[in-house]
Amino acid sequence: MKQRKIDDSPITYYVSGRDCDEWALFLHAAFVDHNMFRTQMEYFSGKYNVLAVDIIGHGKSINTVMHDYSARALDAPVAES
C-alpha cells in the first residue's frame, strides 16, 4: 500500500488495489492503526481499490495540533458567507 498524506493535514492514509470504480474503506478501532486490517486489505486489494485511514492520534497520524472542532467554530465560515 502507498502511504499518503494531504498537505496541511495530520491524516495519513493508505491506498492500494486496482483501478476500478468500487472501493473498500477500512477505519480502525481505538488504540490501533490501519495494520489491524492487514489481511483484509491484502485480500480486497485484488478486487477493489482499498483505502485505509490512520485516525488522528493513531499510527502515522500523530502530528496533530489541538483545534476548536466545536459545531460553532466549524459553522463560522458558513455563517460569514
Protein backbone atom coordinates (compact mmCIF):
# COMPACT_ATOMS: atom_id res chain seq x y z
CA MET A 1 0.00 0.00 0.00
CA LYS A 2 1.17 3.50 -0.74
CA GLN A 3 1.31 5.83 2.25
CA ARG A 4 -0.08 9.28 1.51
CA LYS A 5 -0.72 12.49 3.39
CA ILE A 6 -2.81 15.51 2.48
CA ASP A 7 -0.95 18.85 2.68
CA ASP A 8 -1.62 20.72 5.93
CA SER A 9 -3.41 17.72 7.42
CA PRO A 10 -2.31 15.32 10.15
CA ILE A 11 -4.19 12.45 8.49
CA THR A 12 -2.13 9.67 6.93
CA TYR A 13 -3.91 7.21 4.67
CA TYR A 14 -3.01 4.22 2.53
CA VAL A 15 -4.26 3.35 -0.94
CA SER A 16 -3.86 0.18 -2.96
CA GLY A 17 -5.77 -2.02 -5.30
CA ARG A 18 -6.96 -1.88 -8.83
CA ASP A 19 -8.06 0.99 -10.98
CA CYS A 20 -11.79 0.35 -10.65
CA ASP A 21 -14.94 2.16 -9.57
CA GLU A 22 -15.56 0.24 -6.34
CA TRP A 23 -13.78 0.99 -3.08
CA ALA A 24 -13.32 -0.76 0.26
CA LEU A 25 -12.80 1.61 3.21
CA PHE A 26 -11.12 0.48 6.44
CA LEU A 27 -11.42 2.59 9.61
CA HIS A 28 -9.64 1.08 12.60
CA ALA A 29 -10.75 0.83 16.22
CA ALA A 30 -9.26 2.82 19.11
CA PHE A 31 -5.64 2.19 20.20
CA VAL A 32 -4.58 0.54 16.90
CA ASP A 33 -3.86 1.69 13.34
CA HIS A 34 -4.56 0.60 9.77
CA ASN A 35 -2.50 -2.56 10.31
CA MET A 36 -5.39 -4.20 12.16
CA PHE A 37 -6.83 -4.82 8.67
CA ARG A 38 -3.61 -6.04 7.00
CA THR A 39 -5.07 -9.42 5.96
CA GLN A 40 -8.35 -7.93 4.75
CA MET A 41 -6.54 -5.20 2.79
CA GLU A 42 -4.39 -7.80 1.01
CA TYR A 43 -7.47 -9.83 0.11
CA PHE A 44 -9.67 -6.96 -1.08
CA SER A 45 -6.91 -5.08 -2.96
CA GLY A 46 -7.15 -7.77 -5.63
CA LYS A 47 -10.82 -6.93 -6.21
CA TYR A 48 -11.27 -3.28 -5.19
CA ASN A 49 -9.46 -0.03 -4.62
CA VAL A 50 -8.63 -0.05 -0.91
CA LEU A 51 -8.44 2.99 1.36
CA ALA A 52 -7.23 2.65 4.96
CA VAL A 53 -7.02 5.64 7.28
CA ASP A 54 -4.92 6.17 10.40
CA ILE A 55 -7.33 8.18 12.53
CA ILE A 56 -5.89 11.26 14.26
CA GLY A 57 -3.62 10.27 17.15
CA HIS A 58 -3.03 6.75 15.80
CA GLY A 59 -0.37 5.18 13.58
CA LYS A 60 1.30 7.81 11.40
CA SER A 61 -1.44 10.43 12.04
CA ILE A 62 0.21 11.68 15.22
CA ASN A 63 1.45 15.17 14.29
CA THR A 64 -1.68 16.89 15.50
CA VAL A 65 -2.39 20.34 16.86
CA MET A 66 -5.39 20.99 19.07
CA HIS A 67 -8.07 22.97 17.26
CA ASP A 68 -11.57 24.07 18.13
CA TYR A 69 -13.74 21.48 16.38
CA SER A 70 -16.96 22.58 18.08
CA ALA A 71 -20.07 22.99 15.94
CA ARG A 72 -19.96 26.76 16.47
CA ALA A 73 -16.34 27.01 15.25
CA LEU A 74 -16.92 24.77 12.24
CA ASP A 75 -20.05 26.70 11.28
CA ALA A 76 -18.30 30.12 11.45
CA PRO A 77 -17.04 30.18 7.82
CA VAL A 78 -20.54 29.28 6.57
CA ALA A 79 -22.18 31.96 8.70
CA GLU A 80 -19.76 34.60 7.39
CA SER A 81 -20.51 33.96 3.70
